[in-house]
Amino acid sequence: MDKLHLDQHISHQFNEDLEHLRTKLLEMGGLVEDQLKDAIKAVETADGGLAEKVIETEDEVDRREMALDHESISLLARRQPAASDLRLVMMVTKATRDLERMGDEANKIAKMAIALNNEGGESARGYVELRHLARNVIRLVSIALDAFARFDVESAMKVVREDKNIDTEYRSAVREMITYMMEDPRAISRVMNIMWALRALERIGDHARNIAEQVIYLVHGTDVRHTSIGDIEKKLQEKLEAH
C-alpha cells in the first residue's frame, strides 16, 4: 500500500473512532436525561419504585463514564490528534464528567422522592416550583446535547443565556420555600426535601452550561469558561469578523 492510500486509510479509521466517541457521549446523555425525568416524576408521584430505578441507573452512568474516559485516553495515545480533533476528544472527556455529575444530582432527587414518600402527608407545597424548574432544566440539558450533536454554537449560546434564568428561578423558588416553612413549621421536613431537589436541579443547569461552553470551544477554539455572557458574545463576534 503506498503512502497516499495508507494515509487515507488511517484518516478514515480515525474519523470512525471520533464518530464512535461522539455517539457514545450522546447515548450517555440520553440515559442521563431519562434518569432526570424519572427522578422528577418520582418526586411528583411519590413513586418509590421509580426512584429506586433512578438510583440503580447510576451504576450504568458511572460505567459509561469510565468506558468513555478509557476510549478517549486510548484514542489520544494511538492517534495523537491535533487542532479541532484534539478539542473534540478533550470535550468528550469533560462533557462525560458533567453528565456523570448530572446523574449524581438526579440520584439525589430520587432519594428525596423516597424520603417524601416515607414521610407521607398530603402537603403539595413546593411541587409547582419544582415542576416548573425541572421542566426548564430538562429543556436546557436537551438543547446542550443537541448543540453538541450538531456542533451548533447558536444553540450553545442559548443554553449559556438561559442558565442565568435558571439561577434566578431557583433563588425565587427557595424564597417561596422559606415562606412556606415560616407559615407552617410542621411542613419543614417535607419542604427541606423539595429545597434539596431544587438545588440539585440548579446544579444540573450549571452542568448543561458547561457542556454548551465546551461546544463553543470545540467549534471556535475559544475558551469561554468563567466569562460573562456579554464577553462571550463579543469574543464570538470577533471570531466571525476575523473570518
Protein backbone atom coordinates (compact mmCIF):
# COMPACT_ATOMS: atom_id res chain seq x y z
CA MET A 1 0.00 0.00 0.00
CA ASP A 2 1.51 3.37 -1.00
CA LYS A 3 1.69 6.28 1.45
CA LEU A 4 -1.34 8.11 0.00
CA HIS A 5 -3.60 5.09 0.41
CA LEU A 6 -2.19 4.39 3.87
CA ASP A 7 -2.89 7.99 4.97
CA GLN A 8 -6.45 7.77 3.61
CA HIS A 9 -7.00 4.50 5.46
CA ILE A 10 -5.69 5.95 8.73
CA SER A 11 -7.77 9.11 8.30
CA HIS A 12 -10.92 7.09 7.59
CA GLN A 13 -10.39 4.90 10.67
CA PHE A 14 -9.64 7.92 12.82
CA ASN A 15 -12.86 9.61 11.71
CA GLU A 16 -14.78 6.46 12.61
CA ASP A 17 -13.12 6.44 16.04
CA LEU A 18 -14.10 10.07 16.62
CA GLU A 19 -17.68 9.46 15.48
CA HIS A 20 -17.94 6.44 17.79
CA LEU A 21 -16.77 8.58 20.71
CA ARG A 22 -19.32 11.27 19.84
CA THR A 23 -22.15 8.73 19.53
CA LYS A 24 -21.31 7.14 22.89
CA LEU A 25 -21.38 10.54 24.59
CA LEU A 26 -24.83 11.30 23.14
CA GLU A 27 -26.08 7.87 24.26
CA MET A 28 -24.85 8.61 27.78
CA GLY A 29 -26.58 11.99 27.58
CA GLY A 30 -29.86 10.31 26.64
CA LEU A 31 -29.55 7.95 29.59
CA VAL A 32 -28.97 10.86 32.00
CA GLU A 33 -31.92 12.77 30.52
CA ASP A 34 -34.19 9.78 31.18
CA GLN A 35 -32.75 9.44 34.68
CA LEU A 36 -33.57 13.08 35.42
CA LYS A 37 -37.11 12.84 34.03
CA ASP A 38 -37.78 9.71 36.08
CA ALA A 39 -36.39 11.33 39.23
CA ILE A 40 -38.73 14.32 38.88
CA LYS A 41 -41.69 12.07 38.15
CA ALA A 42 -40.83 10.00 41.22
CA VAL A 43 -41.00 13.13 43.39
CA GLU A 44 -44.28 14.31 41.87
CA THR A 45 -45.99 10.92 42.15
CA ALA A 46 -44.31 9.73 45.35
CA ASP A 47 -43.27 6.63 43.40
CA GLY A 48 -40.62 4.85 45.47
CA GLY A 49 -40.18 2.13 42.86
CA LEU A 50 -39.36 4.63 40.12
CA ALA A 51 -36.96 6.42 42.47
CA GLU A 52 -35.15 3.12 43.11
CA LYS A 53 -34.87 2.62 39.33
CA VAL A 54 -33.16 6.02 39.04
CA ILE A 55 -30.70 5.10 41.77
CA GLU A 56 -29.93 1.76 40.11
CA THR A 57 -29.32 3.54 36.78
CA GLU A 58 -26.47 5.46 38.39
CA ASP A 59 -24.23 2.39 38.16
CA GLU A 60 -24.75 2.30 34.38
CA VAL A 61 -23.99 6.03 34.10
CA ASP A 62 -20.76 5.51 36.05
CA ARG A 63 -19.83 2.55 33.86
CA ARG A 64 -20.33 4.62 30.71
CA GLU A 65 -18.24 7.45 32.14
CA MET A 66 -15.33 5.06 32.78
CA ALA A 67 -15.68 3.47 29.32
CA LEU A 68 -15.66 6.85 27.59
CA ASP A 69 -12.66 8.01 29.62
CA HIS A 70 -10.76 4.86 28.66
CA GLU A 71 -11.69 5.23 24.99
CA SER A 72 -10.69 8.90 24.94
CA ILE A 73 -7.30 8.21 26.54
CA SER A 74 -6.70 5.32 24.16
CA LEU A 75 -7.56 7.50 21.16
CA LEU A 76 -5.22 10.25 22.32
CA ALA A 77 -2.38 7.76 22.74
CA ARG A 78 -2.92 5.99 19.41
CA ARG A 79 -3.76 8.93 17.15
CA GLN A 80 -2.21 11.97 18.82
CA PRO A 81 -4.86 14.23 17.22
CA ALA A 82 -4.23 17.89 16.54
CA ALA A 83 -6.36 21.06 16.41
CA SER A 84 -10.14 20.51 16.24
CA ASP A 85 -9.84 16.72 16.54
CA LEU A 86 -7.95 17.12 19.80
CA ARG A 87 -10.59 19.60 21.02
CA LEU A 88 -13.32 17.05 20.27
CA VAL A 89 -11.62 14.33 22.31
CA MET A 90 -10.96 16.73 25.19
CA MET A 91 -14.55 17.97 25.07
CA VAL A 92 -15.90 14.42 25.27
CA THR A 93 -13.75 13.84 28.35
CA LYS A 94 -15.06 16.99 30.06
CA ALA A 95 -18.69 16.56 28.97
CA THR A 96 -18.65 12.96 30.20
CA ARG A 97 -17.74 14.24 33.64
CA ASP A 98 -20.56 16.81 33.53
CA LEU A 99 -23.06 14.13 32.52
CA GLU A 100 -21.90 11.86 35.34
CA ARG A 101 -22.42 14.68 37.80
CA MET A 102 -25.88 15.33 36.37
CA GLY A 103 -26.58 11.66 37.09
CA ASP A 104 -25.39 12.17 40.67
CA GLU A 105 -27.81 15.07 41.08
CA ALA A 106 -30.68 13.03 39.59
CA ASN A 107 -29.75 10.35 42.12
CA LYS A 108 -30.10 12.89 44.94
CA ILE A 109 -33.54 13.92 43.65
CA ALA A 110 -34.61 10.25 43.62
CA LYS A 111 -33.50 9.92 47.25
CA MET A 112 -35.58 12.99 48.09
CA ALA A 113 -38.54 11.26 46.41
CA ILE A 114 -38.08 8.24 48.66
CA ALA A 115 -37.81 10.46 51.74
CA LEU A 116 -41.01 12.32 50.78
CA ASN A 117 -42.78 9.02 50.16
CA ASN A 118 -41.71 7.67 53.55
CA GLU A 119 -42.88 10.81 55.33
CA GLY A 120 -46.36 10.57 53.86
CA GLY A 121 -48.67 13.52 54.27
CA GLU A 122 -50.65 15.47 51.72
CA SER A 123 -48.77 18.77 51.53
CA ALA A 124 -48.19 19.73 47.91
CA ARG A 125 -46.24 22.87 48.76
CA GLY A 126 -43.19 23.32 46.59
CA TYR A 127 -44.30 20.94 43.87
CA VAL A 128 -45.35 23.71 41.48
CA GLU A 129 -41.95 25.37 41.82
CA LEU A 130 -40.14 22.04 41.47
CA ARG A 131 -42.12 21.06 38.38
CA HIS A 132 -41.52 24.40 36.69
CA LEU A 133 -37.78 24.48 37.38
CA ALA A 134 -37.44 20.82 36.35
CA ARG A 135 -39.17 21.45 33.03
CA ASN A 136 -36.78 24.30 32.21
CA VAL A 137 -33.67 22.40 33.34
CA ILE A 138 -34.57 19.27 31.34
CA ARG A 139 -35.09 21.50 28.30
CA LEU A 140 -31.68 23.09 28.86
CA VAL A 141 -29.96 19.70 29.04
CA SER A 142 -31.68 18.65 25.81
CA ILE A 143 -30.58 21.83 23.98
CA ALA A 144 -26.99 21.40 25.22
CA LEU A 145 -26.81 17.82 23.95
CA ASP A 146 -28.39 18.83 20.65
CA ALA A 147 -25.85 21.65 20.32
CA PHE A 148 -23.09 19.07 20.68
CA ALA A 149 -24.73 16.67 18.23
CA ARG A 150 -24.90 19.41 15.57
CA PHE A 151 -21.84 21.49 16.62
CA ASP A 152 -24.33 24.36 16.90
CA VAL A 153 -22.86 27.44 18.59
CA GLU A 154 -26.15 29.37 18.42
CA SER A 155 -27.92 26.66 20.46
CA ALA A 156 -24.96 26.52 22.85
CA MET A 157 -25.28 30.26 23.43
CA LYS A 158 -28.98 29.80 24.12
CA VAL A 159 -28.06 27.44 26.97
CA VAL A 160 -25.50 29.91 28.34
CA ARG A 161 -28.08 32.71 28.34
CA GLU A 162 -30.92 30.64 29.80
CA ASP A 163 -28.81 29.22 32.62
CA LYS A 164 -28.97 32.68 34.21
CA ASN A 165 -32.78 32.39 34.15
CA ILE A 166 -32.49 29.02 35.88
CA ASP A 167 -30.40 30.59 38.63
CA THR A 168 -32.95 33.39 39.08
CA GLU A 169 -35.85 30.95 39.13
CA TYR A 170 -34.04 28.78 41.67
CA ARG A 171 -33.49 31.70 44.04
CA SER A 172 -37.15 32.71 43.72
CA ALA A 173 -38.29 29.14 44.48
CA VAL A 174 -36.06 28.99 47.56
CA ARG A 175 -37.63 32.20 48.87
CA GLU A 176 -41.07 30.62 48.41
CA MET A 177 -39.93 27.51 50.31
CA ILE A 178 -38.68 29.60 53.23
CA THR A 179 -42.05 31.38 53.34
CA TYR A 180 -43.87 28.02 53.40
CA MET A 181 -41.76 26.81 56.34
CA MET A 182 -42.40 30.01 58.28
CA GLU A 183 -46.15 29.70 57.68
CA ASP A 184 -46.31 26.03 58.66
CA PRO A 185 -43.42 24.67 60.75
CA ARG A 186 -44.95 21.17 60.50
CA ALA A 187 -44.04 21.19 56.81
CA ILE A 188 -40.35 21.95 57.39
CA SER A 189 -39.10 18.41 56.79
CA ARG A 190 -41.04 17.99 53.52
CA VAL A 191 -40.18 21.44 52.24
CA MET A 192 -36.48 20.89 53.00
CA ASN A 193 -36.53 17.82 50.78
CA ILE A 194 -38.08 19.90 47.99
CA MET A 195 -35.37 22.52 48.52
CA TRP A 196 -32.62 19.91 48.15
CA ALA A 197 -34.24 18.71 44.93
CA LEU A 198 -34.39 22.31 43.65
CA ARG A 199 -30.70 22.73 44.48
CA ALA A 200 -29.87 19.57 42.52
CA LEU A 201 -31.77 20.93 39.51
CA GLU A 202 -29.89 24.23 39.68
CA ARG A 203 -26.60 22.32 39.61
CA ILE A 204 -27.76 20.27 36.63
CA GLY A 205 -28.40 23.55 34.83
CA ASP A 206 -24.79 24.56 35.58
CA HIS A 207 -23.52 21.30 34.07
CA ALA A 208 -25.65 21.89 30.95
CA ARG A 209 -23.99 25.30 30.63
CA ASN A 210 -20.57 23.66 30.97
CA ILE A 211 -21.35 21.38 28.03
CA ALA A 212 -22.59 24.35 25.99
CA GLU A 213 -19.38 26.26 26.72
CA GLN A 214 -17.39 23.22 25.60
CA VAL A 215 -19.33 23.19 22.31
CA ILE A 216 -18.27 26.81 21.73
CA TYR A 217 -14.66 25.86 22.46
CA LEU A 218 -14.91 22.85 20.15
CA VAL A 219 -16.22 24.86 17.21
CA HIS A 220 -14.24 28.10 17.60
CA GLY A 221 -11.29 27.15 19.81
CA THR A 222 -12.34 29.92 22.21
CA ASP A 223 -12.32 29.17 25.94
CA VAL A 224 -15.37 30.93 27.40
CA ARG A 225 -15.40 29.42 30.87
CA HIS A 226 -15.84 31.91 33.75
CA THR A 227 -16.74 34.57 31.19
CA SER A 228 -19.77 36.86 31.21
CA ILE A 229 -22.41 36.44 28.50
CA GLY A 230 -21.55 39.86 27.07
CA ASP A 231 -17.85 38.98 26.81
CA ILE A 232 -18.64 35.59 25.22
CA GLU A 233 -20.79 37.29 22.57
CA LYS A 234 -18.01 39.82 21.96
CA LYS A 235 -15.41 37.06 21.51
CA LEU A 236 -17.64 35.16 19.09
CA GLN A 237 -18.33 38.31 17.08
CA GLU A 238 -14.59 38.95 16.82
CA LYS A 239 -14.12 35.37 15.58
CA LEU A 240 -16.77 35.86 12.89
CA GLU A 241 -15.26 39.16 11.75
CA ALA A 242 -11.78 37.60 11.60
CA HIS A 243 -13.10 35.06 9.12
